[in-house]
Amino acid sequence: LVVEDDEVSRELVRMTLERRGYAVVVAEDGVRGYEQAV
């Protein structure tokens, strides 16, 4: 789970991790990040 408010940073991390074989879920703030974690 990648929780990052900056869209460019969030997408860069997501793409990097996906290229390495991870399933990635993203959220733009801590509220949504907590929901995604649960």
Full PDB file with SEQRES, HELIX, SHEET, SSBOND, CRYST1, ORIGX, SCALE, CONECT and MASTER records, all heavy atoms in Angstrom:
SEQRES   1 A   38  LEU VAL VAL GLU ASP ASP GLU VAL SER ARG GLU LEU VAL          
SEQRES   2 A   38  ARG MET THR LEU GLU ARG ARG GLY TYR ALA VAL VAL VAL          
SEQRES   3 A   38  ALA GLU ASP GLY VAL ARG GLY TYR GLU GLN ALA VAL              
HELIX    1 AA1 GLU A    7  ARG A   19  1                                  13    
HELIX    2 AA2 GLY A   30  ALA A   37  1                                   8    
SHEET    1 AA1 2 VAL A   2  VAL A   3  0                                        
SHEET    2 AA1 2 VAL A  26  ALA A  27  1                                        
CRYST1    1.000    1.000    1.000  90.00  90.00  90.00 P 1           1          
ORIGX1      1.000000  0.000000  0.000000        0.00000                         
ORIGX2      0.000000  1.000000  0.000000        0.00000                         
ORIGX3      0.000000  0.000000  1.000000        0.00000                         
SCALE1      1.000000  0.000000  0.000000        0.00000                         
SCALE2      0.000000  1.000000  0.000000        0.00000                         
SCALE3      0.000000  0.000000  1.000000        0.00000                         
ATOM      1  N   LEU A   1       0.855  -1.183   0.000  1.00  0.00           N  
ATOM      2  CA  LEU A   1       0.000   0.000   0.000  1.00  0.00           C  
ATOM      3  C   LEU A   1       0.891   1.233   0.000  1.00  0.00           C  
ATOM      4  O   LEU A   1       1.747   1.378   0.872  1.00  0.00           O  
ATOM      5  CB  LEU A   1      -0.903   0.003   1.235  1.00  0.00           C  
ATOM      6  CG  LEU A   1      -1.688   1.276   1.519  1.00  0.00           C  
ATOM      7  CD1 LEU A   1      -2.627   1.637   0.372  1.00  0.00           C  
ATOM      8  CD2 LEU A   1      -2.446   1.139   2.835  1.00  0.00           C  
ATOM      9  N   VAL A   2       0.706   2.112  -0.982  1.00  0.00           N  
ATOM     10  CA  VAL A   2       1.466   3.357  -1.085  1.00  0.00           C  
ATOM     11  C   VAL A   2       0.514   4.508  -0.777  1.00  0.00           C  
ATOM     12  O   VAL A   2      -0.483   4.697  -1.471  1.00  0.00           O  
ATOM     13  CB  VAL A   2       2.079   3.530  -2.493  1.00  0.00           C  
ATOM     14  CG1 VAL A   2       2.788   4.870  -2.608  1.00  0.00           C  
ATOM     15  CG2 VAL A   2       3.029   2.381  -2.805  1.00  0.00           C  
ATOM     16  N   VAL A   3       0.822   5.268   0.275  1.00  0.00           N  
ATOM     17  CA  VAL A   3      -0.007   6.394   0.688  1.00  0.00           C  
ATOM     18  C   VAL A   3       0.812   7.668   0.481  1.00  0.00           C  
ATOM     19  O   VAL A   3       1.788   7.912   1.181  1.00  0.00           O  
ATOM     20  CB  VAL A   3      -0.454   6.254   2.160  1.00  0.00           C  
ATOM     21  CG1 VAL A   3      -1.443   7.361   2.513  1.00  0.00           C  
ATOM     22  CG2 VAL A   3      -1.054   4.879   2.424  1.00  0.00           C  
ATOM     23  N   GLU A   4       0.402   8.451  -0.504  1.00  0.00           N  
ATOM     24  CA  GLU A   4       1.168   9.635  -0.920  1.00  0.00           C  
ATOM     25  C   GLU A   4       0.217  10.638  -1.541  1.00  0.00           C  
ATOM     26  O   GLU A   4      -0.559  10.276  -2.432  1.00  0.00           O  
ATOM     27  CB  GLU A   4       2.247   9.208  -1.913  1.00  0.00           C  
ATOM     28  CG  GLU A   4       2.961  10.296  -2.642  1.00  0.00           C  
ATOM     29  CD  GLU A   4       3.751  11.223  -1.741  1.00  0.00           C  
ATOM     30  OE1 GLU A   4       4.727  10.764  -1.126  1.00  0.00           O  
ATOM     31  OE2 GLU A   4       3.379  12.415  -1.665  1.00  0.00           O  
ATOM     32  N   ASP A   5       0.264  11.884  -1.100  1.00  0.00           N  
ATOM     33  CA  ASP A   5      -0.646  12.899  -1.647  1.00  0.00           C  
ATOM     34  C   ASP A   5      -0.170  13.474  -2.972  1.00  0.00           C  
ATOM     35  O   ASP A   5      -0.972  13.943  -3.767  1.00  0.00           O  
ATOM     36  CB  ASP A   5      -0.893  14.025  -0.636  1.00  0.00           C  
ATOM     37  CG  ASP A   5       0.369  14.784  -0.278  1.00  0.00           C  
ATOM     38  OD1 ASP A   5       1.414  14.138  -0.073  1.00  0.00           O  
ATOM     39  OD2 ASP A   5       0.311  16.018  -0.179  1.00  0.00           O  
ATOM     40  N   ASP A   6       1.118  13.411  -3.235  1.00  0.00           N  
ATOM     41  CA  ASP A   6       1.639  13.940  -4.489  1.00  0.00           C  
ATOM     42  C   ASP A   6       1.453  12.900  -5.587  1.00  0.00           C  
ATOM     43  O   ASP A   6       2.040  11.803  -5.537  1.00  0.00           O  
ATOM     44  CB  ASP A   6       3.123  14.301  -4.342  1.00  0.00           C  
ATOM     45  CG  ASP A   6       3.695  14.837  -5.630  1.00  0.00           C  
ATOM     46  OD1 ASP A   6       3.374  15.975  -6.001  1.00  0.00           O  
ATOM     47  OD2 ASP A   6       4.460  14.079  -6.288  1.00  0.00           O  
ATOM     48  N   GLU A   7       0.641  13.226  -6.573  1.00  0.00           N  
ATOM     49  CA  GLU A   7       0.282  12.263  -7.621  1.00  0.00           C  
ATOM     50  C   GLU A   7       1.489  11.743  -8.394  1.00  0.00           C  
ATOM     51  O   GLU A   7       1.594  10.551  -8.669  1.00  0.00           O  
ATOM     52  CB  GLU A   7      -0.723  12.880  -8.588  1.00  0.00           C  
ATOM     53  CG  GLU A   7      -1.197  11.913  -9.643  1.00  0.00           C  
ATOM     54  CD  GLU A   7      -2.240  12.502 -10.575  1.00  0.00           C  
ATOM     55  OE1 GLU A   7      -2.609  13.676 -10.420  1.00  0.00           O  
ATOM     56  OE2 GLU A   7      -2.680  11.772 -11.480  1.00  0.00           O  
ATOM     57  N   VAL A   8       2.421  12.617  -8.715  1.00  0.00           N  
ATOM     58  CA  VAL A   8       3.602  12.199  -9.480  1.00  0.00           C  
ATOM     59  C   VAL A   8       4.437  11.211  -8.667  1.00  0.00           C  
ATOM     60  O   VAL A   8       4.841  10.154  -9.167  1.00  0.00           O  
ATOM     61  CB  VAL A   8       4.439  13.422  -9.915  1.00  0.00           C  
ATOM     62  CG1 VAL A   8       5.752  12.998 -10.537  1.00  0.00           C  
ATOM     63  CG2 VAL A   8       3.641  14.301 -10.873  1.00  0.00           C  
ATOM     64  N   SER A   9       4.685  11.533  -7.407  1.00  0.00           N  
ATOM     65  CA  SER A   9       5.462  10.633  -6.545  1.00  0.00           C  
ATOM     66  C   SER A   9       4.748   9.307  -6.354  1.00  0.00           C  
ATOM     67  O   SER A   9       5.364   8.239  -6.408  1.00  0.00           O  
ATOM     68  CB  SER A   9       5.696  11.285  -5.181  1.00  0.00           C  
ATOM     69  OG  SER A   9       6.465  12.446  -5.306  1.00  0.00           O  
ATOM     70  N   ARG A  10       3.439   9.371  -6.120  1.00  0.00           N  
ATOM     71  CA  ARG A  10       2.633   8.164  -5.914  1.00  0.00           C  
ATOM     72  C   ARG A  10       2.715   7.241  -7.127  1.00  0.00           C  
ATOM     73  O   ARG A  10       2.934   6.041  -6.998  1.00  0.00           O  
ATOM     74  CB  ARG A  10       1.186   8.575  -5.625  1.00  0.00           C  
ATOM     75  CG  ARG A  10       0.274   7.445  -5.246  1.00  0.00           C  
ATOM     76  CD  ARG A  10      -1.102   7.939  -4.825  1.00  0.00           C  
ATOM     77  NE  ARG A  10      -1.788   8.692  -5.863  1.00  0.00           N  
ATOM     78  CZ  ARG A  10      -2.200   9.953  -5.742  1.00  0.00           C  
ATOM     79  NH1 ARG A  10      -2.007  10.624  -4.633  1.00  0.00           N  
ATOM     80  NH2 ARG A  10      -2.824  10.543  -6.740  1.00  0.00           N  
ATOM     81  N   GLU A  11       2.574   7.795  -8.315  1.00  0.00           N  
ATOM     82  CA  GLU A  11       2.606   6.988  -9.535  1.00  0.00           C  
ATOM     83  C   GLU A  11       4.002   6.451  -9.821  1.00  0.00           C  
ATOM     84  O   GLU A  11       4.150   5.325 -10.312  1.00  0.00           O  
ATOM     85  CB  GLU A  11       2.068   7.784 -10.711  1.00  0.00           C  
ATOM     86  CG  GLU A  11       0.561   7.968 -10.648  1.00  0.00           C  
ATOM     87  CD  GLU A  11      -0.175   6.638 -10.540  1.00  0.00           C  
ATOM     88  OE1 GLU A  11      -0.006   5.774 -11.418  1.00  0.00           O  
ATOM     89  OE2 GLU A  11      -0.906   6.448  -9.550  1.00  0.00           O  
ATOM     90  N   LEU A  12       5.026   7.223  -9.521  1.00  0.00           N  
ATOM     91  CA  LEU A  12       6.399   6.756  -9.718  1.00  0.00           C  
ATOM     92  C   LEU A  12       6.687   5.551  -8.833  1.00  0.00           C  
ATOM     93  O   LEU A  12       7.231   4.537  -9.298  1.00  0.00           O  
ATOM     94  CB  LEU A  12       7.390   7.879  -9.420  1.00  0.00           C  
ATOM     95  CG  LEU A  12       8.869   7.525  -9.553  1.00  0.00           C  
ATOM     96  CD1 LEU A  12       9.196   7.129 -10.989  1.00  0.00           C  
ATOM     97  CD2 LEU A  12       9.724   8.694  -9.108  1.00  0.00           C  
ATOM     98  N   VAL A  13       6.302   5.635  -7.568  1.00  0.00           N  
ATOM     99  CA  VAL A  13       6.510   4.510  -6.656  1.00  0.00           C  
ATOM    100  C   VAL A  13       5.678   3.314  -7.109  1.00  0.00           C  
ATOM    101  O   VAL A  13       6.168   2.179  -7.143  1.00  0.00           O  
ATOM    102  CB  VAL A  13       6.171   4.913  -5.203  1.00  0.00           C  
ATOM    103  CG1 VAL A  13       6.206   3.698  -4.284  1.00  0.00           C  
ATOM    104  CG2 VAL A  13       7.130   5.985  -4.715  1.00  0.00           C  
ATOM    105  N   ARG A  14       4.417   3.541  -7.471  1.00  0.00           N  
ATOM    106  CA  ARG A  14       3.552   2.461  -7.921  1.00  0.00           C  
ATOM    107  C   ARG A  14       4.155   1.727  -9.119  1.00  0.00           C  
ATOM    108  O   ARG A  14       4.275   0.499  -9.130  1.00  0.00           O  
ATOM    109  CB  ARG A  14       2.158   2.978  -8.292  1.00  0.00           C  
ATOM    110  CG  ARG A  14       1.209   1.854  -8.760  1.00  0.00           C  
ATOM    111  CD  ARG A  14      -0.088   2.395  -9.326  1.00  0.00           C  
ATOM    112  NE  ARG A  14       0.112   3.243 -10.503  1.00  0.00           N  
ATOM    113  CZ  ARG A  14       0.386   2.790 -11.729  1.00  0.00           C  
ATOM    114  NH1 ARG A  14       0.499   1.505 -11.963  1.00  0.00           N  
ATOM    115  NH2 ARG A  14       0.552   3.630 -12.733  1.00  0.00           N  
ATOM    116  N   MET A  15       4.566   2.479 -10.138  1.00  0.00           N  
ATOM    117  CA  MET A  15       5.120   1.859 -11.346  1.00  0.00           C  
ATOM    118  C   MET A  15       6.414   1.104 -11.052  1.00  0.00           C  
ATOM    119  O   MET A  15       6.625   0.003 -11.567  1.00  0.00           O  
ATOM    120  CB  MET A  15       5.366   2.926 -12.416  1.00  0.00           C  
ATOM    121  CG  MET A  15       4.102   3.467 -13.021  1.00  0.00           C  
ATOM    122  SD  MET A  15       4.354   4.594 -14.418  1.00  0.00           S  
ATOM    123  CE  MET A  15       5.477   5.797 -13.757  1.00  0.00           C  
ATOM    124  N   THR A  16       7.260   1.675 -10.216  1.00  0.00           N  
ATOM    125  CA  THR A  16       8.525   1.027  -9.866  1.00  0.00           C  
ATOM    126  C   THR A  16       8.283  -0.310  -9.171  1.00  0.00           C  
ATOM    127  O   THR A  16       8.907  -1.322  -9.504  1.00  0.00           O  
ATOM    128  CB  THR A  16       9.369   1.949  -8.970  1.00  0.00           C  
ATOM    129  OG1 THR A  16       9.625   3.163  -9.670  1.00  0.00           O  
ATOM    130  CG2 THR A  16      10.678   1.297  -8.574  1.00  0.00           C  
ATOM    131  N   LEU A  17       7.354  -0.311  -8.221  1.00  0.00           N  
ATOM    132  CA  LEU A  17       7.067  -1.547  -7.494  1.00  0.00           C  
ATOM    133  C   LEU A  17       6.380  -2.587  -8.375  1.00  0.00           C  
ATOM    134  O   LEU A  17       6.694  -3.785  -8.295  1.00  0.00           O  
ATOM    135  CB  LEU A  17       6.210  -1.242  -6.266  1.00  0.00           C  
ATOM    136  CG  LEU A  17       6.907  -0.437  -5.165  1.00  0.00           C  
ATOM    137  CD1 LEU A  17       5.906   0.015  -4.116  1.00  0.00           C  
ATOM    138  CD2 LEU A  17       8.038  -1.237  -4.546  1.00  0.00           C  
ATOM    139  N   GLU A  18       5.453  -2.147  -9.213  1.00  0.00           N  
ATOM    140  CA  GLU A  18       4.770  -3.086 -10.109  1.00  0.00           C  
ATOM    141  C   GLU A  18       5.748  -3.741 -11.076  1.00  0.00           C  
ATOM    142  O   GLU A  18       5.631  -4.935 -11.370  1.00  0.00           O  
ATOM    143  CB  GLU A  18       3.643  -2.387 -10.859  1.00  0.00           C  
ATOM    144  CG  GLU A  18       2.436  -2.120  -9.991  1.00  0.00           C  
ATOM    145  CD  GLU A  18       1.306  -1.390 -10.700  1.00  0.00           C  
ATOM    146  OE1 GLU A  18       1.519  -0.833 -11.805  1.00  0.00           O  
ATOM    147  OE2 GLU A  18       0.203  -1.377 -10.132  1.00  0.00           O  
ATOM    148  N   ARG A  19       6.714  -2.987 -11.552  1.00  0.00           N  
ATOM    149  CA  ARG A  19       7.729  -3.555 -12.454  1.00  0.00           C  
ATOM    150  C   ARG A  19       8.558  -4.625 -11.772  1.00  0.00           C  
ATOM    151  O   ARG A  19       9.141  -5.491 -12.427  1.00  0.00           O  
ATOM    152  CB  ARG A  19       8.664  -2.458 -12.975  1.00  0.00           C  
ATOM    153  CG  ARG A  19       8.069  -1.650 -14.074  1.00  0.00           C  
ATOM    154  CD  ARG A  19       9.110  -0.746 -14.710  1.00  0.00           C  
ATOM    155  NE  ARG A  19       8.447   0.383 -15.307  1.00  0.00           N  
ATOM    156  CZ  ARG A  19       8.791   1.650 -15.164  1.00  0.00           C  
ATOM    157  NH1 ARG A  19       9.840   1.976 -14.445  1.00  0.00           N  
ATOM    158  NH2 ARG A  19       8.114   2.604 -15.741  1.00  0.00           N  
ATOM    159  N   ARG A  20       8.616  -4.566 -10.466  1.00  0.00           N  
ATOM    160  CA  ARG A  20       9.375  -5.554  -9.706  1.00  0.00           C  
ATOM    161  C   ARG A  20       8.493  -6.699  -9.200  1.00  0.00           C  
ATOM    162  O   ARG A  20       8.909  -7.495  -8.364  1.00  0.00           O  
ATOM    163  CB  ARG A  20      10.104  -4.875  -8.560  1.00  0.00           C  
ATOM    164  CG  ARG A  20      11.298  -4.086  -9.092  1.00  0.00           C  
ATOM    165  CD  ARG A  20      11.882  -3.157  -8.078  1.00  0.00           C  
ATOM    166  NE  ARG A  20      13.087  -2.506  -8.558  1.00  0.00           N  
ATOM    167  CZ  ARG A  20      13.139  -1.552  -9.467  1.00  0.00           C  
ATOM    168  NH1 ARG A  20      12.036  -1.143 -10.069  1.00  0.00           N  
ATOM    169  NH2 ARG A  20      14.275  -0.996  -9.824  1.00  0.00           N  
ATOM    170  N   GLY A  21       7.244  -6.729  -9.672  1.00  0.00           N  
ATOM    171  CA  GLY A  21       6.381  -7.863  -9.393  1.00  0.00           C  
ATOM    172  C   GLY A  21       5.452  -7.742  -8.200  1.00  0.00           C  
ATOM    173  O   GLY A  21       4.826  -8.730  -7.819  1.00  0.00           O  
ATOM    174  N   TYR A  22       5.352  -6.578  -7.612  1.00  0.00           N  
ATOM    175  CA  TYR A  22       4.450  -6.398  -6.472  1.00  0.00           C  
ATOM    176  C   TYR A  22       3.073  -5.945  -6.933  1.00  0.00           C  
ATOM    177  O   TYR A  22       2.942  -5.227  -7.912  1.00  0.00           O  
ATOM    178  CB  TYR A  22       5.007  -5.347  -5.501  1.00  0.00           C  
ATOM    179  CG  TYR A  22       6.303  -5.755  -4.864  1.00  0.00           C  
ATOM    180  CD1 TYR A  22       7.519  -5.293  -5.369  1.00  0.00           C  
ATOM    181  CD2 TYR A  22       6.320  -6.610  -3.769  1.00  0.00           C  
ATOM    182  CE1 TYR A  22       8.718  -5.670  -4.799  1.00  0.00           C  
ATOM    183  CE2 TYR A  22       7.518  -6.998  -3.195  1.00  0.00           C  
ATOM    184  CZ  TYR A  22       8.708  -6.523  -3.704  1.00  0.00           C  
ATOM    185  OH  TYR A  22       9.891  -6.906  -3.148  1.00  0.00           O  
ATOM    186  N   ALA A  23       2.054  -6.353  -6.193  1.00  0.00           N  
ATOM    187  CA  ALA A  23       0.711  -5.799  -6.377  1.00  0.00           C  
ATOM    188  C   ALA A  23       0.681  -4.515  -5.560  1.00  0.00           C  
ATOM    189  O   ALA A  23       1.082  -4.514  -4.391  1.00  0.00           O  
ATOM    190  CB  ALA A  23      -0.340  -6.766  -5.872  1.00  0.00           C  
ATOM    191  N   VAL A  24       0.239  -3.421  -6.156  1.00  0.00           N  
ATOM    192  CA  VAL A  24       0.283  -2.123  -5.483  1.00  0.00           C  
ATOM    193  C   VAL A  24      -1.108  -1.521  -5.416  1.00  0.00           C  
ATOM    194  O   VAL A  24      -1.836  -1.492  -6.404  1.00  0.00           O  
ATOM    195  CB  VAL A  24       1.235  -1.142  -6.213  1.00  0.00           C  
ATOM    196  CG1 VAL A  24       1.273   0.201  -5.503  1.00  0.00           C  
ATOM    197  CG2 VAL A  24       2.635  -1.743  -6.311  1.00  0.00           C  
ATOM    198  N   VAL A  25      -1.443  -1.048  -4.228  1.00  0.00           N  
ATOM    199  CA  VAL A  25      -2.670  -0.304  -3.993  1.00  0.00           C  
ATOM    200  C   VAL A  25      -2.231   1.083  -3.554  1.00  0.00           C  
ATOM    201  O   VAL A  25      -1.264   1.221  -2.809  1.00  0.00           O  
ATOM    202  CB  VAL A  25      -3.514  -0.971  -2.885  1.00  0.00           C  
ATOM    203  CG1 VAL A  25      -4.766  -0.184  -2.605  1.00  0.00           C  
ATOM    204  CG2 VAL A  25      -3.835  -2.403  -3.260  1.00  0.00           C  
ATOM    205  N   VAL A  26      -2.929   2.123  -4.024  1.00  0.00           N  
ATOM    206  CA  VAL A  26      -2.538   3.484  -3.675  1.00  0.00           C  
ATOM    207  C   VAL A  26      -3.666   4.224  -2.968  1.00  0.00           C  
ATOM    208  O   VAL A  26      -4.844   3.898  -3.132  1.00  0.00           O  
ATOM    209  CB  VAL A  26      -2.095   4.291  -4.920  1.00  0.00           C  
ATOM    210  CG1 VAL A  26      -0.868   3.681  -5.558  1.00  0.00           C  
ATOM    211  CG2 VAL A  26      -3.219   4.418  -5.922  1.00  0.00           C  
ATOM    212  N   ALA A  27      -3.268   5.222  -2.179  1.00  0.00           N  
ATOM    213  CA  ALA A  27      -4.213   6.111  -1.514  1.00  0.00           C  
ATOM    214  C   ALA A  27      -3.575   7.490  -1.454  1.00  0.00           C  
ATOM    215  O   ALA A  27      -2.347   7.617  -1.385  1.00  0.00           O  
ATOM    216  CB  ALA A  27      -4.538   5.612  -0.116  1.00  0.00           C  
ATOM    217  N   GLU A  28      -4.406   8.527  -1.483  1.00  0.00           N  
ATOM    218  CA  GLU A  28      -3.894   9.892  -1.543  1.00  0.00           C  
ATOM    219  C   GLU A  28      -3.792  10.595  -0.194  1.00  0.00           C  
ATOM    220  O   GLU A  28      -3.277  11.707  -0.120  1.00  0.00           O  
ATOM    221  CB  GLU A  28      -4.743  10.734  -2.504  1.00  0.00           C  
ATOM    222  CG  GLU A  28      -6.193  10.870  -2.099  1.00  0.00           C  
ATOM    223  CD  GLU A  28      -7.053   9.673  -2.483  1.00  0.00           C  
ATOM    224  OE1 GLU A  28      -6.630   8.814  -3.274  1.00  0.00           O  
ATOM    225  OE2 GLU A  28      -8.175   9.586  -1.954  1.00  0.00           O  
ATOM    226  N   ASP A  29      -4.272   9.977   0.883  1.00  0.00           N  
ATOM    227  CA  ASP A  29      -4.122  10.572   2.217  1.00  0.00           C  
ATOM    228  C   ASP A  29      -4.264   9.481   3.278  1.00  0.00           C  
ATOM    229  O   ASP A  29      -4.591   8.338   2.971  1.00  0.00           O  
ATOM    230  CB  ASP A  29      -5.136  11.697   2.453  1.00  0.00           C  
ATOM    231  CG  ASP A  29      -6.583  11.250   2.365  1.00  0.00           C  
ATOM    232  OD1 ASP A  29      -6.933  10.219   2.977  1.00  0.00           O  
ATOM    233  OD2 ASP A  29      -7.366  11.923   1.683  1.00  0.00           O  
ATOM    234  N   GLY A  30      -4.006   9.851   4.523  1.00  0.00           N  
ATOM    235  CA  GLY A  30      -4.032   8.879   5.602  1.00  0.00           C  
ATOM    236  C   GLY A  30      -5.392   8.283   5.884  1.00  0.00           C  
ATOM    237  O   GLY A  30      -5.494   7.132   6.320  1.00  0.00           O  
ATOM    238  N   VAL A  31      -6.457   9.033   5.641  1.00  0.00           N  
ATOM    239  CA  VAL A  31      -7.806   8.510   5.859  1.00  0.00           C  
ATOM    240  C   VAL A  31      -8.073   7.351   4.909  1.00  0.00           C  
ATOM    241  O   VAL A  31      -8.445   6.250   5.316  1.00  0.00           O  
ATOM    242  CB  VAL A  31      -8.876   9.619   5.695  1.00  0.00           C  
ATOM    243  CG1 VAL A  31     -10.273   9.035   5.724  1.00  0.00           C  
ATOM    244  CG2 VAL A  31      -8.704  10.687   6.756  1.00  0.00           C  
ATOM    245  N   ARG A  32      -7.876   7.602   3.631  1.00  0.00           N  
ATOM    246  CA  ARG A  32      -8.098   6.547   2.630  1.00  0.00           C  
ATOM    247  C   ARG A  32      -7.053   5.435   2.780  1.00  0.00           C  
ATOM    248  O   ARG A  32      -7.344   4.263   2.567  1.00  0.00           O  
ATOM    249  CB  ARG A  32      -8.075   7.146   1.219  1.00  0.00           C  
ATOM    250  CG  ARG A  32      -8.440   6.164   0.164  1.00  0.00           C  
ATOM    251  CD  ARG A  32      -9.910   5.736   0.268  1.00  0.00           C  
ATOM    252  NE  ARG A  32     -10.158   4.682  -0.691  1.00  0.00           N  
ATOM    253  CZ  ARG A  32     -10.793   3.551  -0.402  1.00  0.00           C  
ATOM    254  NH1 ARG A  32     -11.280   3.333   0.796  1.00  0.00           N  
ATOM    255  NH2 ARG A  32     -10.963   2.631  -1.320  1.00  0.00           N  
ATOM    256  N   GLY A  33      -5.837   5.805   3.165  1.00  0.00           N  
ATOM    257  CA  GLY A  33      -4.800   4.804   3.384  1.00  0.00           C  
ATOM    258  C   GLY A  33      -5.180   3.815   4.472  1.00  0.00           C  
ATOM    259  O   GLY A  33      -4.991   2.607   4.333  1.00  0.00           O  
ATOM    260  N   TYR A  34      -5.744   4.329   5.566  1.00  0.00           N  
ATOM    261  CA  TYR A  34      -6.185   3.445   6.646  1.00  0.00           C  
ATOM    262  C   TYR A  34      -7.297   2.519   6.154  1.00  0.00           C  
ATOM    263  O   TYR A  34      -7.280   1.318   6.429  1.00  0.00           O  
ATOM    264  CB  TYR A  34      -6.656   4.260   7.853  1.00  0.00           C  
ATOM    265  CG  TYR A  34      -7.196   3.397   8.956  1.00  0.00           C  
ATOM    266  CD1 TYR A  34      -6.325   2.678   9.772  1.00  0.00           C  
ATOM    267  CD2 TYR A  34      -8.558   3.277   9.163  1.00  0.00           C  
ATOM    268  CE1 TYR A  34      -6.819   1.851  10.779  1.00  0.00           C  
ATOM    269  CE2 TYR A  34      -9.058   2.462  10.158  1.00  0.00           C  
ATOM    270  CZ  TYR A  34      -8.187   1.756  10.969  1.00  0.00           C  
ATOM    271  OH  TYR A  34      -8.683   0.940  11.957  1.00  0.00           O  
ATOM    272  N   GLU A  35      -8.248   3.076   5.419  1.00  0.00           N  
ATOM    273  CA  GLU A  35      -9.339   2.259   4.878  1.00  0.00           C  
ATOM    274  C   GLU A  35      -8.783   1.144   3.990  1.00  0.00           C  
ATOM    275  O   GLU A  35      -9.215  -0.012   4.085  1.00  0.00           O  
ATOM    276  CB  GLU A  35     -10.316   3.125   4.086  1.00  0.00           C  
ATOM    277  CG  GLU A  35     -11.092   4.107   4.936  1.00  0.00           C  
ATOM    278  CD  GLU A  35     -11.845   5.144   4.121  1.00  0.00           C  
ATOM    279  OE1 GLU A  35     -11.705   5.163   2.868  1.00  0.00           O  
ATOM    280  OE2 GLU A  35     -12.560   5.953   4.729  1.00  0.00           O  
ATOM    281  N   GLN A  36      -7.833   1.502   3.129  1.00  0.00           N  
ATOM    282  CA  GLN A  36      -7.223   0.511   2.226  1.00  0.00           C  
ATOM    283  C   GLN A  36      -6.460  -0.553   3.020  1.00  0.00           C  
ATOM    284  O   GLN A  36      -6.446  -1.723   2.655  1.00  0.00           O  
ATOM    285  CB  GLN A  36      -6.280   1.188   1.236  1.00  0.00           C  
ATOM    286  CG  GLN A  36      -6.977   2.049   0.221  1.00  0.00           C  
ATOM    287  CD  GLN A  36      -7.568   1.219  -0.913  1.00  0.00           C  
ATOM    288  OE1 GLN A  36      -7.787   0.023  -0.805  1.00  0.00           O  
ATOM    289  NE2 GLN A  36      -7.846   1.875  -2.006  1.00  0.00           N  
ATOM    290  N   ALA A  37      -5.798  -0.134   4.098  1.00  0.00           N  
ATOM    291  CA  ALA A  37      -5.039  -1.092   4.918  1.00  0.00           C  
ATOM    292  C   ALA A  37      -5.971  -2.100   5.572  1.00  0.00           C  
ATOM    293  O   ALA A  37      -5.687  -3.299   5.580  1.00  0.00           O  
ATOM    294  CB  ALA A  37      -4.227  -0.341   5.972  1.00  0.00           C  
ATOM    295  N   VAL A  38      -7.082  -1.634   6.109  1.00  0.00           N  
ATOM    296  CA  VAL A  38      -8.033  -2.531   6.759  1.00  0.00           C  
ATOM    297  C   VAL A  38      -8.691  -3.457   5.738  1.00  0.00           C  
ATOM    298  O   VAL A  38      -8.812  -4.664   5.971  1.00  0.00           O  
ATOM    299  CB  VAL A  38      -9.098  -1.722   7.540  1.00  0.00           C  
ATOM    300  CG1 VAL A  38     -10.217  -2.623   8.039  1.00  0.00           C  
ATOM    301  CG2 VAL A  38      -8.455  -0.973   8.698  1.00  0.00           C  
TER     302      VAL A  38                                                      
MASTER        0    0    0    2    2    0    0    6  301    1    0    3          
END                                                                             
